[in-house]
Amino acid sequence: GGLSLGEPKEVTMAMVEETVACLPEAKPRHLLGVGSPEDLLEGIARGMDTFDSVLPTRIARNGALLTLDGRVNIGNARFRTPSGPIQEDCGCYTCRSFSLAYLHHLFKCQELLAYRLATIHNLWFTLDLMKKAREAILAGCFDGFRREFVARFPRTDPVVQKEQKARWLKAVRG
């Protein structure tokens, strides 16, 4: 843990490859601080077994929702009127019960329920992704599953990511 909290993703994954070679295969391998969907799959591909990260909940509290097509910012005006869920095939409580427009409204009003519903969705999304990864591993088709997911799920531009982090730090520090 610790390396994945600011270094370029390529450096993090190179260090994971170096480190995992030193760890016993019969023991669980834990990667701390890695929580983006694409990085979870990249970690699994390199031999990691378990993860923990605040990313799904932190970005939820800031209005970022995980979908198969990448992150969406529920605060964007385009979510003012859609009557559908965050993601059509999602089984989470939020997607089964609330529309994008309602979530947009909750975030605009800074209603506390917004943060809870977004968190529920992002945790469900992440757990469902891990379930599908496990199924792909057992079926012997994990590499194809990972490539397909990563091709569809756009990576956050590192420059944009750095700007977002700077804004977040400024807001947190006041």
N, C-alpha and C. Protein backbone atom coordinates (compact mmCIF):
# COMPACT_ATOMS: atom_id res chain seq x y z
N GLY A 1 0.82 -1.20 0.00
CA GLY A 1 0.00 0.00 0.00
C GLY A 1 0.85 1.25 0.00
N GLY A 2 0.24 2.37 -0.35
CA GLY A 2 0.92 3.64 -0.33
C GLY A 2 1.39 4.11 -1.68
N LEU A 3 1.91 3.21 -2.50
CA LEU A 3 2.43 3.61 -3.80
C LEU A 3 1.32 4.07 -4.72
N SER A 4 0.16 3.49 -4.63
CA SER A 4 -0.91 3.77 -5.58
C SER A 4 -1.66 5.06 -5.29
N LEU A 5 -1.15 5.88 -4.42
CA LEU A 5 -1.86 7.09 -4.02
C LEU A 5 -1.22 8.33 -4.60
N GLY A 6 -1.00 8.36 -5.89
CA GLY A 6 -0.49 9.56 -6.53
C GLY A 6 0.47 9.31 -7.68
N GLU A 7 1.12 8.16 -7.70
CA GLU A 7 2.04 7.85 -8.78
C GLU A 7 1.25 7.51 -10.04
N PRO A 8 1.89 7.62 -11.20
CA PRO A 8 1.22 7.20 -12.43
C PRO A 8 0.84 5.72 -12.35
N LYS A 9 -0.28 5.37 -12.96
CA LYS A 9 -0.79 4.00 -12.90
C LYS A 9 0.21 3.00 -13.44
N GLU A 10 0.97 3.39 -14.44
CA GLU A 10 1.96 2.49 -15.02
C GLU A 10 3.01 2.11 -13.98
N VAL A 11 3.44 3.09 -13.18
CA VAL A 11 4.44 2.83 -12.13
C VAL A 11 3.84 1.91 -11.07
N THR A 12 2.61 2.18 -10.68
CA THR A 12 1.95 1.34 -9.68
C THR A 12 1.88 -0.10 -10.14
N MET A 13 1.42 -0.32 -11.37
CA MET A 13 1.28 -1.70 -11.86
C MET A 13 2.63 -2.37 -12.06
N ALA A 14 3.65 -1.61 -12.43
CA ALA A 14 5.00 -2.19 -12.54
C ALA A 14 5.49 -2.64 -11.16
N MET A 15 5.20 -1.85 -10.14
CA MET A 15 5.60 -2.22 -8.77
C MET A 15 4.79 -3.42 -8.26
N VAL A 16 3.53 -3.50 -8.66
CA VAL A 16 2.71 -4.66 -8.30
C VAL A 16 3.34 -5.91 -8.90
N GLU A 17 3.74 -5.85 -10.16
CA GLU A 17 4.37 -7.00 -10.81
C GLU A 17 5.65 -7.41 -10.08
N GLU A 18 6.46 -6.42 -9.70
CA GLU A 18 7.71 -6.72 -8.99
C GLU A 18 7.42 -7.34 -7.62
N THR A 19 6.46 -6.80 -6.92
CA THR A 19 6.16 -7.24 -5.56
C THR A 19 5.49 -8.59 -5.53
N VAL A 20 4.53 -8.82 -6.42
CA VAL A 20 3.78 -10.07 -6.39
C VAL A 20 4.70 -11.27 -6.62
N ALA A 21 5.78 -11.07 -7.34
CA ALA A 21 6.73 -12.16 -7.58
C ALA A 21 7.41 -12.61 -6.28
N CYS A 22 7.43 -11.74 -5.27
CA CYS A 22 8.06 -12.05 -3.99
C CYS A 22 7.09 -12.64 -2.97
N LEU A 23 5.82 -12.62 -3.28
CA LEU A 23 4.81 -13.09 -2.32
C LEU A 23 4.48 -14.55 -2.54
N PRO A 24 4.19 -15.28 -1.48
CA PRO A 24 3.85 -16.70 -1.63
C PRO A 24 2.52 -16.87 -2.37
N GLU A 25 2.50 -17.80 -3.32
CA GLU A 25 1.29 -18.03 -4.12
C GLU A 25 0.14 -18.58 -3.31
N ALA A 26 0.42 -19.31 -2.24
CA ALA A 26 -0.63 -19.96 -1.46
C ALA A 26 -1.29 -19.01 -0.45
N LYS A 27 -0.82 -17.78 -0.37
CA LYS A 27 -1.37 -16.80 0.58
C LYS A 27 -2.12 -15.71 -0.19
N PRO A 28 -3.15 -15.12 0.44
CA PRO A 28 -3.86 -14.01 -0.21
C PRO A 28 -2.92 -12.82 -0.42
N ARG A 29 -3.10 -12.15 -1.52
CA ARG A 29 -2.27 -10.98 -1.86
C ARG A 29 -3.18 -9.76 -1.88
N HIS A 30 -2.88 -8.82 -1.00
CA HIS A 30 -3.75 -7.66 -0.80
C HIS A 30 -3.12 -6.41 -1.40
N LEU A 31 -3.91 -5.64 -2.12
CA LEU A 31 -3.43 -4.38 -2.71
C LEU A 31 -4.24 -3.24 -2.12
N LEU A 32 -3.59 -2.41 -1.36
CA LEU A 32 -4.22 -1.31 -0.65
C LEU A 32 -4.28 -0.06 -1.52
N GLY A 33 -5.43 0.62 -1.51
CA GLY A 33 -5.54 1.92 -2.17
C GLY A 33 -5.85 1.87 -3.64
N VAL A 34 -6.14 0.72 -4.19
CA VAL A 34 -6.50 0.60 -5.60
C VAL A 34 -7.99 0.28 -5.66
N GLY A 35 -8.79 1.16 -6.31
CA GLY A 35 -10.23 0.95 -6.29
C GLY A 35 -10.96 1.31 -7.56
N SER A 36 -10.27 1.87 -8.55
CA SER A 36 -10.98 2.15 -9.80
C SER A 36 -11.24 0.84 -10.53
N PRO A 37 -12.35 0.72 -11.22
CA PRO A 37 -12.69 -0.56 -11.86
C PRO A 37 -11.58 -1.12 -12.75
N GLU A 38 -11.00 -0.30 -13.58
CA GLU A 38 -9.97 -0.80 -14.48
C GLU A 38 -8.72 -1.23 -13.72
N ASP A 39 -8.39 -0.53 -12.63
CA ASP A 39 -7.21 -0.88 -11.85
C ASP A 39 -7.43 -2.16 -11.04
N LEU A 40 -8.65 -2.39 -10.60
CA LEU A 40 -8.95 -3.65 -9.92
C LEU A 40 -8.68 -4.82 -10.85
N LEU A 41 -9.16 -4.71 -12.08
CA LEU A 41 -8.95 -5.80 -13.05
C LEU A 41 -7.48 -5.94 -13.41
N GLU A 42 -6.77 -4.84 -13.52
CA GLU A 42 -5.33 -4.90 -13.81
C GLU A 42 -4.58 -5.54 -12.64
N GLY A 43 -5.02 -5.25 -11.41
CA GLY A 43 -4.41 -5.87 -10.23
C GLY A 43 -4.65 -7.38 -10.21
N ILE A 44 -5.87 -7.78 -10.52
CA ILE A 44 -6.19 -9.21 -10.58
C ILE A 44 -5.32 -9.89 -11.63
N ALA A 45 -5.17 -9.24 -12.78
CA ALA A 45 -4.37 -9.82 -13.86
C ALA A 45 -2.92 -10.03 -13.44
N ARG A 46 -2.48 -9.25 -12.46
CA ARG A 46 -1.09 -9.35 -12.00
C ARG A 46 -0.96 -10.21 -10.74
N GLY A 47 -2.06 -10.86 -10.32
CA GLY A 47 -1.99 -11.81 -9.22
C GLY A 47 -2.51 -11.34 -7.88
N MET A 48 -3.14 -10.18 -7.82
CA MET A 48 -3.68 -9.70 -6.55
C MET A 48 -5.04 -10.36 -6.29
N ASP A 49 -5.33 -10.58 -5.00
CA ASP A 49 -6.56 -11.27 -4.62
C ASP A 49 -7.58 -10.37 -3.94
N THR A 50 -7.12 -9.47 -3.10
CA THR A 50 -8.04 -8.61 -2.36
C THR A 50 -7.59 -7.16 -2.46
N PHE A 51 -8.55 -6.26 -2.26
CA PHE A 51 -8.31 -4.83 -2.42
C PHE A 51 -9.11 -4.08 -1.37
N ASP A 52 -8.68 -2.88 -1.05
CA ASP A 52 -9.56 -1.96 -0.33
C ASP A 52 -9.18 -0.54 -0.72
N SER A 53 -10.23 0.25 -0.85
CA SER A 53 -10.04 1.61 -1.32
C SER A 53 -11.27 2.42 -0.97
N VAL A 54 -11.06 3.70 -0.77
CA VAL A 54 -12.19 4.60 -0.53
C VAL A 54 -12.76 5.15 -1.83
N LEU A 55 -12.13 4.84 -2.96
CA LEU A 55 -12.53 5.46 -4.23
C LEU A 55 -14.02 5.34 -4.55
N PRO A 56 -14.63 4.16 -4.50
CA PRO A 56 -16.06 4.10 -4.88
C PRO A 56 -16.95 4.99 -4.02
N THR A 57 -16.65 5.08 -2.73
CA THR A 57 -17.48 5.90 -1.86
C THR A 57 -17.11 7.38 -1.95
N ARG A 58 -15.84 7.68 -2.08
CA ARG A 58 -15.42 9.09 -2.17
C ARG A 58 -15.97 9.73 -3.44
N ILE A 59 -15.83 9.05 -4.56
CA ILE A 59 -16.33 9.67 -5.80
C ILE A 59 -17.85 9.75 -5.78
N ALA A 60 -18.51 8.80 -5.11
CA ALA A 60 -19.97 8.84 -5.00
C ALA A 60 -20.40 10.11 -4.26
N ARG A 61 -19.71 10.42 -3.19
CA ARG A 61 -20.06 11.62 -2.42
C ARG A 61 -19.83 12.90 -3.21
N ASN A 62 -19.05 12.80 -4.27
CA ASN A 62 -18.81 13.96 -5.12
C ASN A 62 -19.63 13.91 -6.41
N GLY A 63 -20.59 12.98 -6.48
CA GLY A 63 -21.50 12.93 -7.62
C GLY A 63 -21.02 12.13 -8.81
N ALA A 64 -19.95 11.36 -8.66
CA ALA A 64 -19.45 10.53 -9.75
C ALA A 64 -20.01 9.12 -9.58
N LEU A 65 -20.68 8.63 -10.61
CA LEU A 65 -21.30 7.31 -10.59
C LEU A 65 -20.62 6.40 -11.58
N LEU A 66 -20.35 5.18 -11.19
CA LEU A 66 -19.68 4.22 -12.05
C LEU A 66 -20.69 3.52 -12.94
N THR A 67 -20.38 3.45 -14.23
CA THR A 67 -21.19 2.71 -15.19
C THR A 67 -20.24 1.90 -16.07
N LEU A 68 -20.79 0.99 -16.83
CA LEU A 68 -19.94 0.20 -17.74
C LEU A 68 -19.25 1.07 -18.78
N ASP A 69 -19.80 2.24 -19.04
CA ASP A 69 -19.21 3.15 -20.02
C ASP A 69 -18.36 4.24 -19.38
N GLY A 70 -18.00 4.06 -18.11
CA GLY A 70 -17.15 5.03 -17.42
C GLY A 70 -17.90 5.76 -16.33
N ARG A 71 -17.22 6.72 -15.74
CA ARG A 71 -17.83 7.54 -14.70
C ARG A 71 -18.74 8.59 -15.32
N VAL A 72 -19.84 8.86 -14.64
CA VAL A 72 -20.69 9.97 -15.04
C VAL A 72 -20.83 10.92 -13.86
N ASN A 73 -20.94 12.20 -14.16
CA ASN A 73 -21.12 13.21 -13.13
C ASN A 73 -22.60 13.55 -13.08
N ILE A 74 -23.29 13.09 -12.03
CA ILE A 74 -24.73 13.25 -11.91
C ILE A 74 -25.13 14.73 -11.84
N GLY A 75 -24.21 15.61 -11.55
CA GLY A 75 -24.51 17.04 -11.49
C GLY A 75 -24.63 17.70 -12.85
N ASN A 76 -24.23 17.00 -13.91
CA ASN A 76 -24.32 17.59 -15.26
C ASN A 76 -25.78 17.81 -15.66
N ALA A 77 -26.01 18.88 -16.38
CA ALA A 77 -27.37 19.26 -16.77
C ALA A 77 -28.09 18.18 -17.57
N ARG A 78 -27.37 17.34 -18.29
CA ARG A 78 -28.01 16.32 -19.11
C ARG A 78 -28.77 15.29 -18.26
N PHE A 79 -28.53 15.26 -16.95
CA PHE A 79 -29.22 14.31 -16.07
C PHE A 79 -30.42 14.95 -15.37
N ARG A 80 -30.81 16.12 -15.80
CA ARG A 80 -31.95 16.82 -15.18
C ARG A 80 -33.28 16.14 -15.43
N THR A 81 -33.42 15.47 -16.58
CA THR A 81 -34.74 14.93 -16.94
C THR A 81 -34.84 13.43 -17.20
N PRO A 82 -33.77 12.66 -17.37
CA PRO A 82 -33.93 11.24 -17.70
C PRO A 82 -34.69 10.47 -16.61
N SER A 83 -35.65 9.68 -17.06
CA SER A 83 -36.47 8.92 -16.11
C SER A 83 -35.91 7.53 -15.83
N GLY A 84 -34.85 7.15 -16.51
CA GLY A 84 -34.27 5.82 -16.31
C GLY A 84 -33.26 5.80 -15.18
N PRO A 85 -32.74 4.61 -14.88
CA PRO A 85 -31.74 4.45 -13.81
C PRO A 85 -30.35 4.87 -14.27
N ILE A 86 -29.41 4.81 -13.36
CA ILE A 86 -28.01 5.11 -13.69
C ILE A 86 -27.54 4.16 -14.79
N GLN A 87 -27.84 2.89 -14.63
CA GLN A 87 -27.47 1.86 -15.61
C GLN A 87 -28.62 0.87 -15.71
N GLU A 88 -29.08 0.63 -16.91
CA GLU A 88 -30.28 -0.18 -17.14
C GLU A 88 -30.21 -1.57 -16.51
N ASP A 89 -29.09 -2.26 -16.63
CA ASP A 89 -29.02 -3.64 -16.15
C ASP A 89 -28.46 -3.77 -14.73
N CYS A 90 -28.41 -2.68 -14.00
CA CYS A 90 -27.89 -2.70 -12.63
C CYS A 90 -28.98 -3.16 -11.67
N GLY A 91 -28.62 -4.03 -10.74
CA GLY A 91 -29.58 -4.55 -9.78
C GLY A 91 -29.56 -3.86 -8.43
N CYS A 92 -28.81 -2.77 -8.29
CA CYS A 92 -28.72 -2.12 -6.99
C CYS A 92 -30.02 -1.43 -6.62
N TYR A 93 -30.18 -1.18 -5.35
CA TYR A 93 -31.38 -0.51 -4.82
C TYR A 93 -31.59 0.84 -5.49
N THR A 94 -30.52 1.59 -5.67
CA THR A 94 -30.63 2.92 -6.27
C THR A 94 -31.19 2.84 -7.68
N CYS A 95 -30.64 1.97 -8.50
CA CYS A 95 -31.09 1.86 -9.90
C CYS A 95 -32.50 1.27 -10.00
N ARG A 96 -32.85 0.37 -9.08
CA ARG A 96 -34.18 -0.22 -9.09
C ARG A 96 -35.25 0.75 -8.61
N SER A 97 -34.85 1.78 -7.86
CA SER A 97 -35.84 2.61 -7.17
C SER A 97 -35.89 4.08 -7.58
N PHE A 98 -34.82 4.60 -8.18
CA PHE A 98 -34.75 6.04 -8.41
C PHE A 98 -34.26 6.37 -9.82
N SER A 99 -34.73 7.47 -10.35
CA SER A 99 -34.32 7.91 -11.69
C SER A 99 -33.07 8.79 -11.62
N LEU A 100 -32.42 8.92 -12.76
CA LEU A 100 -31.29 9.82 -12.87
C LEU A 100 -31.71 11.25 -12.51
N ALA A 101 -32.89 11.65 -12.97
CA ALA A 101 -33.37 13.00 -12.71
C ALA A 101 -33.53 13.25 -11.20
N TYR A 102 -34.05 12.25 -10.49
CA TYR A 102 -34.21 12.41 -9.05
C TYR A 102 -32.86 12.51 -8.35
N LEU A 103 -31.92 11.66 -8.75
CA LEU A 103 -30.57 11.73 -8.17
C LEU A 103 -29.92 13.08 -8.47
N HIS A 104 -30.09 13.55 -9.70
CA HIS A 104 -29.57 14.87 -10.08
C HIS A 104 -30.15 15.93 -9.14
N HIS A 105 -31.45 15.89 -8.94
CA HIS A 105 -32.13 16.84 -8.05
C HIS A 105 -31.56 16.77 -6.63
N LEU A 106 -31.40 15.55 -6.11
CA LEU A 106 -30.88 15.39 -4.75
C LEU A 106 -29.48 15.99 -4.61
N PHE A 107 -28.63 15.78 -5.62
CA PHE A 107 -27.29 16.34 -5.57
C PHE A 107 -27.32 17.86 -5.68
N LYS A 108 -28.15 18.40 -6.53
CA LYS A 108 -28.24 19.86 -6.67
C LYS A 108 -28.72 20.51 -5.38
N CYS A 109 -29.61 19.81 -4.66
CA CYS A 109 -30.13 20.33 -3.38
C CYS A 109 -29.22 20.00 -2.20
N GLN A 110 -28.16 19.25 -2.46
CA GLN A 110 -27.24 18.77 -1.44
C GLN A 110 -27.98 18.00 -0.35
N GLU A 111 -28.98 17.24 -0.77
CA GLU A 111 -29.74 16.39 0.13
C GLU A 111 -28.88 15.20 0.52
N LEU A 112 -28.81 14.87 1.80
CA LEU A 112 -27.95 13.80 2.28
C LEU A 112 -28.24 12.45 1.63
N LEU A 113 -29.48 12.21 1.26
CA LEU A 113 -29.84 10.95 0.61
C LEU A 113 -29.06 10.75 -0.69
N ALA A 114 -28.68 11.82 -1.36
CA ALA A 114 -27.93 11.72 -2.61
C ALA A 114 -26.64 10.93 -2.41
N TYR A 115 -25.91 11.24 -1.36
CA TYR A 115 -24.62 10.62 -1.11
C TYR A 115 -24.79 9.13 -0.78
N ARG A 116 -25.83 8.81 -0.05
CA ARG A 116 -26.09 7.41 0.30
C ARG A 116 -26.46 6.60 -0.94
N LEU A 117 -27.35 7.14 -1.77
CA LEU A 117 -27.79 6.42 -2.97
C LEU A 117 -26.66 6.24 -3.97
N ALA A 118 -25.82 7.26 -4.12
CA ALA A 118 -24.68 7.15 -5.03
C ALA A 118 -23.68 6.12 -4.50
N THR A 119 -23.47 6.11 -3.20
CA THR A 119 -22.56 5.14 -2.59
C THR A 119 -23.07 3.72 -2.77
N ILE A 120 -24.37 3.52 -2.54
CA ILE A 120 -24.97 2.20 -2.74
C ILE A 120 -24.70 1.71 -4.16
N HIS A 121 -24.93 2.60 -5.13
CA HIS A 121 -24.72 2.20 -6.53
C HIS A 121 -23.25 1.86 -6.80
N ASN A 122 -22.34 2.74 -6.40
CA ASN A 122 -20.92 2.50 -6.72
C ASN A 122 -20.38 1.24 -6.04
N LEU A 123 -20.82 0.97 -4.81
CA LEU A 123 -20.38 -0.26 -4.15
C LEU A 123 -20.96 -1.49 -4.85
N TRP A 124 -22.23 -1.41 -5.24
CA TRP A 124 -22.85 -2.52 -5.99
C TRP A 124 -22.10 -2.75 -7.29
N PHE A 125 -21.83 -1.68 -8.02
CA PHE A 125 -21.12 -1.78 -9.30
C PHE A 125 -19.77 -2.49 -9.09
N THR A 126 -19.03 -2.07 -8.09
CA THR A 126 -17.70 -2.63 -7.83
C THR A 126 -17.80 -4.10 -7.43
N LEU A 127 -18.72 -4.43 -6.54
CA LEU A 127 -18.89 -5.82 -6.12
C LEU A 127 -19.36 -6.70 -7.28
N ASP A 128 -20.24 -6.17 -8.13
CA ASP A 128 -20.70 -6.93 -9.29
C ASP A 128 -19.55 -7.16 -10.28
N LEU A 129 -18.71 -6.16 -10.45
CA LEU A 129 -17.54 -6.32 -11.32
C LEU A 129 -16.63 -7.42 -10.79
N MET A 130 -16.41 -7.44 -9.49
CA MET A 130 -15.56 -8.47 -8.89
C MET A 130 -16.20 -9.86 -9.02
N LYS A 131 -17.52 -9.93 -8.89
CA LYS A 131 -18.22 -11.21 -9.08
C LYS A 131 -18.02 -11.71 -10.52
N LYS A 132 -18.16 -10.81 -11.48
CA LYS A 132 -17.98 -11.19 -12.89
C LYS A 132 -16.53 -11.56 -13.18
N ALA A 133 -15.59 -10.88 -12.54
CA ALA A 133 -14.17 -11.23 -12.72
C ALA A 133 -13.91 -12.63 -12.17
N ARG A 134 -14.47 -12.92 -11.01
CA ARG A 134 -14.31 -14.26 -10.41
C ARG A 134 -14.88 -15.33 -11.34
N GLU A 135 -16.07 -15.06 -11.89
CA GLU A 135 -16.70 -16.01 -12.81
C GLU A 135 -15.82 -16.21 -14.06
N ALA A 136 -15.24 -15.12 -14.56
CA ALA A 136 -14.38 -15.21 -15.74
C ALA A 136 -13.11 -16.01 -15.44
N ILE A 137 -12.56 -15.82 -14.25
CA ILE A 137 -11.38 -16.60 -13.85
C ILE A 137 -11.72 -18.08 -13.82
N LEU A 138 -12.84 -18.42 -13.18
CA LEU A 138 -13.24 -19.82 -13.07
C LEU A 138 -13.56 -20.43 -14.43
N ALA A 139 -14.05 -19.61 -15.37
CA ALA A 139 -14.37 -20.09 -16.71
C ALA A 139 -13.14 -20.10 -17.63
N GLY A 140 -12.02 -19.58 -17.12
CA GLY A 140 -10.80 -19.55 -17.92
C GLY A 140 -10.77 -18.48 -19.00
N CYS A 141 -11.56 -17.43 -18.83
CA CYS A 141 -11.61 -16.38 -19.87
C CYS A 141 -11.40 -14.98 -19.27
N PHE A 142 -10.63 -14.89 -18.18
CA PHE A 142 -10.44 -13.60 -17.52
C PHE A 142 -9.76 -12.58 -18.42
N ASP A 143 -8.73 -12.97 -19.16
CA ASP A 143 -8.01 -12.00 -20.00
C ASP A 143 -8.94 -11.34 -21.01
N GLY A 144 -9.82 -12.12 -21.64
CA GLY A 144 -10.78 -11.56 -22.58
C GLY A 144 -11.78 -10.64 -21.88
N PHE A 145 -12.25 -11.06 -20.71
CA PHE A 145 -13.17 -10.24 -19.92
C PHE A 145 -12.52 -8.90 -19.58
N ARG A 146 -11.29 -8.95 -19.10
CA ARG A 146 -10.56 -7.73 -18.72
C ARG A 146 -10.37 -6.81 -19.91
N ARG A 147 -9.91 -7.36 -21.03
CA ARG A 147 -9.69 -6.54 -22.23
C ARG A 147 -10.98 -5.88 -22.71
N GLU A 148 -12.06 -6.64 -22.69
CA GLU A 148 -13.35 -6.11 -23.13
C GLU A 148 -13.82 -4.98 -22.20
N PHE A 149 -13.68 -5.19 -20.90
CA PHE A 149 -14.11 -4.17 -19.96
C PHE A 149 -13.27 -2.90 -20.11
N VAL A 150 -11.96 -3.05 -20.14
CA VAL A 150 -11.05 -1.90 -20.22
C VAL A 150 -11.25 -1.14 -21.53
N ALA A 151 -11.56 -1.84 -22.62
CA ALA A 151 -11.81 -1.18 -23.90
C ALA A 151 -13.07 -0.31 -23.84
N ARG A 152 -14.05 -0.74 -23.07
CA ARG A 152 -15.32 0.00 -22.97
C ARG A 152 -15.26 1.10 -21.92
N PHE A 153 -14.53 0.88 -20.83
CA PHE A 153 -14.50 1.79 -19.70
C PHE A 153 -13.35 2.78 -19.89
N PRO A 154 -13.66 4.03 -20.23
CA PRO A 154 -12.58 5.00 -20.50
C PRO A 154 -11.79 5.36 -19.24
N ARG A 155 -10.49 5.39 -19.38
CA ARG A 155 -9.63 5.82 -18.27
C ARG A 155 -9.75 7.32 -18.09
N THR A 156 -9.64 7.75 -16.86
CA THR A 156 -9.63 9.18 -16.58
C THR A 156 -8.32 9.75 -17.08
N ASP A 157 -8.40 10.84 -17.82
CA ASP A 157 -7.21 11.52 -18.32
C ASP A 157 -6.36 11.94 -17.12
N PRO A 158 -5.05 11.61 -17.11
CA PRO A 158 -4.21 11.94 -15.96
C PRO A 158 -4.18 13.44 -15.64
N VAL A 159 -4.23 14.28 -16.66
CA VAL A 159 -4.23 15.73 -16.44
C VAL A 159 -5.54 16.14 -15.75
N VAL A 160 -6.65 15.63 -16.24
CA VAL A 160 -7.95 15.93 -15.64
C VAL A 160 -7.98 15.40 -14.21
N GLN A 161 -7.45 14.20 -14.00
CA GLN A 161 -7.42 13.59 -12.67
C GLN A 161 -6.63 14.47 -11.70
N LYS A 162 -5.50 15.00 -12.16
CA LYS A 162 -4.68 15.85 -11.31
C LYS A 162 -5.42 17.15 -10.97
N GLU A 163 -6.12 17.72 -11.96
CA GLU A 163 -6.91 18.94 -11.72
C GLU A 163 -8.04 18.67 -10.73
N GLN A 164 -8.72 17.52 -10.88
CA GLN A 164 -9.80 17.17 -9.96
C GLN A 164 -9.27 16.99 -8.54
N LYS A 165 -8.13 16.35 -8.42
CA LYS A 165 -7.56 16.13 -7.09
C LYS A 165 -7.18 17.46 -6.45
N ALA A 166 -6.62 18.38 -7.24
CA ALA A 166 -6.26 19.70 -6.71
C ALA A 166 -7.50 20.45 -6.22
N ARG A 167 -8.59 20.38 -7.00
CA ARG A 167 -9.84 21.03 -6.57
C ARG A 167 -10.37 20.40 -5.29
N TRP A 168 -10.31 19.06 -5.22
CA TRP A 168 -10.79 18.35 -4.03
C TRP A 168 -9.97 18.74 -2.81
N LEU A 169 -8.63 18.78 -2.95
CA LEU A 169 -7.78 19.14 -1.82
C LEU A 169 -8.04 20.57 -1.36
N LYS A 170 -8.26 21.46 -2.32
CA LYS A 170 -8.57 22.86 -2.00
C LYS A 170 -9.88 22.95 -1.21
N ALA A 171 -10.88 22.20 -1.65
CA ALA A 171 -12.18 22.20 -0.96
C ALA A 171 -12.06 21.62 0.44
N VAL A 172 -11.29 20.56 0.58
CA VAL A 172 -11.13 19.90 1.88
C VAL A 172 -10.38 20.79 2.85
N ARG A 173 -9.38 21.47 2.35
CA ARG A 173 -8.54 22.32 3.22
C ARG A 173 -9.19 23.68 3.50
N GLY A 174 -10.21 24.00 2.70
CA GLY A 174 -10.94 25.24 2.94
C GLY A 174 -10.24 26.37 2.32
